[in-house]
Amino acid sequence: EKLLKEVISADAQNHLAQYNLASLLKRRSRIDESLEHYGLALEAKPNYAAAIYDFAILLDKNDELYPAVLNFKKFIHLMPRSKQAKVAKKRIEEIGRAPFRR
């Protein structure tokens, strides 16, 4: 974590460092920080498919369904034939069938 933060301190636009830090934070259950760094990775490289997918998964698990669906759709557009696109399509369908929650 320390090394990644040093890289980011030197270059905040380093999408790989932002992505790797987000992934590390997710594994450590630091969800809010992880979401922040996925967002920063995508600011630096908006069509970074791996970050889009992982961001969507984490948003979904965090019950942020609308942004999750938007990111799943963006991922599907970028990687339509991938295994993850099939998972994303299925999850979008499940979210669409879920009862409305407040």
C-alpha atoms as a PDB file:
ATOM      1  CA  GLU A   1       0.000   0.000   0.000  1.00  0.00           C
ATOM      2  CA  LYS A   2       2.782   2.410   0.936  1.00  0.00           C
ATOM      3  CA  LEU A   3       4.615   1.915  -2.357  1.00  0.00           C
ATOM      4  CA  LEU A   4       1.441   2.452  -4.392  1.00  0.00           C
ATOM      5  CA  LYS A   5       0.698   5.649  -2.490  1.00  0.00           C
ATOM      6  CA  GLU A   6       4.243   6.857  -3.199  1.00  0.00           C
ATOM      7  CA  VAL A   7       3.759   6.220  -6.927  1.00  0.00           C
ATOM      8  CA  ILE A   8       0.412   8.032  -6.842  1.00  0.00           C
ATOM      9  CA  SER A   9       1.978  10.915  -4.928  1.00  0.00           C
ATOM     10  CA  ALA A  10       4.498  11.301  -7.738  1.00  0.00           C
ATOM     11  CA  ASP A  11       1.892  10.829 -10.494  1.00  0.00           C
ATOM     12  CA  ALA A  12      -1.783  10.946  -9.536  1.00  0.00           C
ATOM     13  CA  GLN A  13      -2.703  10.128 -13.151  1.00  0.00           C
ATOM     14  CA  ASN A  14      -1.013   6.717 -12.985  1.00  0.00           C
ATOM     15  CA  HIS A  15      -4.105   4.626 -13.685  1.00  0.00           C
ATOM     16  CA  LEU A  16      -2.358   1.331 -12.928  1.00  0.00           C
ATOM     17  CA  ALA A  17      -1.235   2.471  -9.485  1.00  0.00           C
ATOM     18  CA  GLN A  18      -4.726   3.838  -8.745  1.00  0.00           C
ATOM     19  CA  TYR A  19      -6.307   0.571  -9.934  1.00  0.00           C
ATOM     20  CA  ASN A  20      -3.911  -1.616  -7.960  1.00  0.00           C
ATOM     21  CA  LEU A  21      -4.442   0.448  -4.817  1.00  0.00           C
ATOM     22  CA  ALA A  22      -8.213   0.193  -5.278  1.00  0.00           C
ATOM     23  CA  SER A  23      -7.925  -3.586  -5.613  1.00  0.00           C
ATOM     24  CA  LEU A  24      -5.738  -3.824  -2.519  1.00  0.00           C
ATOM     25  CA  LEU A  25      -8.112  -1.679  -0.489  1.00  0.00           C
ATOM     26  CA  LYS A  26     -11.058  -3.793  -1.654  1.00  0.00           C
ATOM     27  CA  ARG A  27      -9.308  -6.946  -0.410  1.00  0.00           C
ATOM     28  CA  ARG A  28      -8.807  -5.185   2.926  1.00  0.00           C
ATOM     29  CA  SER A  29     -12.541  -4.325   3.082  1.00  0.00           C
ATOM     30  CA  ARG A  30     -11.852  -0.587   2.859  1.00  0.00           C
ATOM     31  CA  ILE A  31     -14.701  -0.103   0.430  1.00  0.00           C
ATOM     32  CA  ASP A  32     -15.083   3.684   0.387  1.00  0.00           C
ATOM     33  CA  GLU A  33     -11.365   4.194  -0.212  1.00  0.00           C
ATOM     34  CA  SER A  34     -11.402   1.484  -2.862  1.00  0.00           C
ATOM     35  CA  LEU A  35     -14.288   3.136  -4.712  1.00  0.00           C
ATOM     36  CA  GLU A  36     -12.425   6.446  -4.614  1.00  0.00           C
ATOM     37  CA  HIS A  37      -9.309   4.954  -6.213  1.00  0.00           C
ATOM     38  CA  TYR A  38     -11.268   3.062  -8.872  1.00  0.00           C
ATOM     39  CA  GLY A  39     -12.835   6.421  -9.729  1.00  0.00           C
ATOM     40  CA  LEU A  40      -9.413   8.061  -9.920  1.00  0.00           C
ATOM     41  CA  ALA A  41      -8.112   5.254 -12.132  1.00  0.00           C
ATOM     42  CA  LEU A  42     -11.043   5.864 -14.477  1.00  0.00           C
ATOM     43  CA  GLU A  43     -10.496   9.616 -14.470  1.00  0.00           C
ATOM     44  CA  ALA A  44      -6.942   8.931 -15.628  1.00  0.00           C
ATOM     45  CA  LYS A  45      -7.991   6.301 -18.205  1.00  0.00           C
ATOM     46  CA  PRO A  46     -11.771   6.364 -18.806  1.00  0.00           C
ATOM     47  CA  ASN A  47     -11.956   3.231 -20.959  1.00  0.00           C
ATOM     48  CA  TYR A  48      -9.828   1.011 -18.709  1.00  0.00           C
ATOM     49  CA  ALA A  49     -12.042  -2.069 -18.934  1.00  0.00           C
ATOM     50  CA  ALA A  50     -10.677  -3.948 -15.917  1.00  0.00           C
ATOM     51  CA  ALA A  51     -11.220  -0.940 -13.670  1.00  0.00           C
ATOM     52  CA  ILE A  52     -14.721  -0.351 -15.058  1.00  0.00           C
ATOM     53  CA  TYR A  53     -15.725  -3.948 -14.355  1.00  0.00           C
ATOM     54  CA  ASP A  54     -14.235  -4.083 -10.858  1.00  0.00           C
ATOM     55  CA  PHE A  55     -15.738  -0.675 -10.065  1.00  0.00           C
ATOM     56  CA  ALA A  56     -19.173  -1.914 -11.207  1.00  0.00           C
ATOM     57  CA  ILE A  57     -18.879  -5.071  -9.097  1.00  0.00           C
ATOM     58  CA  LEU A  58     -17.945  -3.086  -6.003  1.00  0.00           C
ATOM     59  CA  LEU A  59     -20.696  -0.512  -6.585  1.00  0.00           C
ATOM     60  CA  ASP A  60     -23.169  -3.385  -6.908  1.00  0.00           C
ATOM     61  CA  LYS A  61     -21.961  -4.996  -3.670  1.00  0.00           C
ATOM     62  CA  ASN A  62     -22.207  -1.584  -1.993  1.00  0.00           C
ATOM     63  CA  ASP A  63     -25.867  -1.363  -3.130  1.00  0.00           C
ATOM     64  CA  GLU A  64     -25.171   1.541  -5.488  1.00  0.00           C
ATOM     65  CA  LEU A  65     -27.186  -0.084  -8.235  1.00  0.00           C
ATOM     66  CA  TYR A  66     -27.704   2.742 -10.723  1.00  0.00           C
ATOM     67  CA  PRO A  67     -23.987   3.586 -11.081  1.00  0.00           C
ATOM     68  CA  ALA A  68     -23.223  -0.149 -11.064  1.00  0.00           C
ATOM     69  CA  VAL A  69     -25.533  -0.715 -14.036  1.00  0.00           C
ATOM     70  CA  LEU A  70     -24.039   2.243 -15.912  1.00  0.00           C
ATOM     71  CA  ASN A  71     -20.545   0.836 -15.443  1.00  0.00           C
ATOM     72  CA  PHE A  72     -21.620  -2.701 -16.352  1.00  0.00           C
ATOM     73  CA  LYS A  73     -23.113  -1.319 -19.588  1.00  0.00           C
ATOM     74  CA  LYS A  74     -19.926   0.594 -20.366  1.00  0.00           C
ATOM     75  CA  PHE A  75     -17.885  -2.553 -19.787  1.00  0.00           C
ATOM     76  CA  ILE A  76     -20.176  -4.583 -22.062  1.00  0.00           C
ATOM     77  CA  HIS A  77     -19.741  -1.964 -24.770  1.00  0.00           C
ATOM     78  CA  LEU A  78     -15.941  -2.198 -24.485  1.00  0.00           C
ATOM     79  CA  MET A  79     -15.638  -5.981 -24.068  1.00  0.00           C
ATOM     80  CA  PRO A  80     -18.827  -7.505 -25.534  1.00  0.00           C
ATOM     81  CA  ARG A  81     -17.455 -11.023 -26.060  1.00  0.00           C
ATOM     82  CA  SER A  82     -15.728 -11.434 -22.697  1.00  0.00           C
ATOM     83  CA  LYS A  83     -16.830 -13.802 -19.946  1.00  0.00           C
ATOM     84  CA  GLN A  84     -17.218 -10.802 -17.658  1.00  0.00           C
ATOM     85  CA  ALA A  85     -19.657  -9.220 -20.147  1.00  0.00           C
ATOM     86  CA  LYS A  86     -21.899 -12.269 -19.755  1.00  0.00           C
ATOM     87  CA  VAL A  87     -21.752 -11.878 -15.980  1.00  0.00           C
ATOM     88  CA  ALA A  88     -22.476  -8.147 -16.298  1.00  0.00           C
ATOM     89  CA  LYS A  89     -25.477  -8.761 -18.579  1.00  0.00           C
ATOM     90  CA  LYS A  90     -26.883 -11.311 -16.151  1.00  0.00           C
ATOM     91  CA  ARG A  91     -26.430  -8.951 -13.210  1.00  0.00           C
ATOM     92  CA  ILE A  92     -28.131  -6.080 -15.059  1.00  0.00           C
ATOM     93  CA  GLU A  93     -31.106  -8.381 -15.703  1.00  0.00           C
ATOM     94  CA  GLU A  94     -31.220  -9.384 -12.024  1.00  0.00           C
ATOM     95  CA  ILE A  95     -31.113  -5.763 -10.899  1.00  0.00           C
ATOM     96  CA  GLY A  96     -33.898  -4.931 -13.351  1.00  0.00           C
ATOM     97  CA  ARG A  97     -36.108  -7.657 -11.850  1.00  0.00           C
ATOM     98  CA  ALA A  98     -35.430  -6.661  -8.245  1.00  0.00           C
ATOM     99  CA  PRO A  99     -38.206  -4.902  -6.352  1.00  0.00           C
ATOM    100  CA  PHE A 100     -37.785  -1.182  -5.886  1.00  0.00           C
ATOM    101  CA  ARG A 101     -35.996  -0.293  -2.638  1.00  0.00           C
ATOM    102  CA  ARG A 102     -35.722   2.998  -0.816  1.00  0.00           C
END
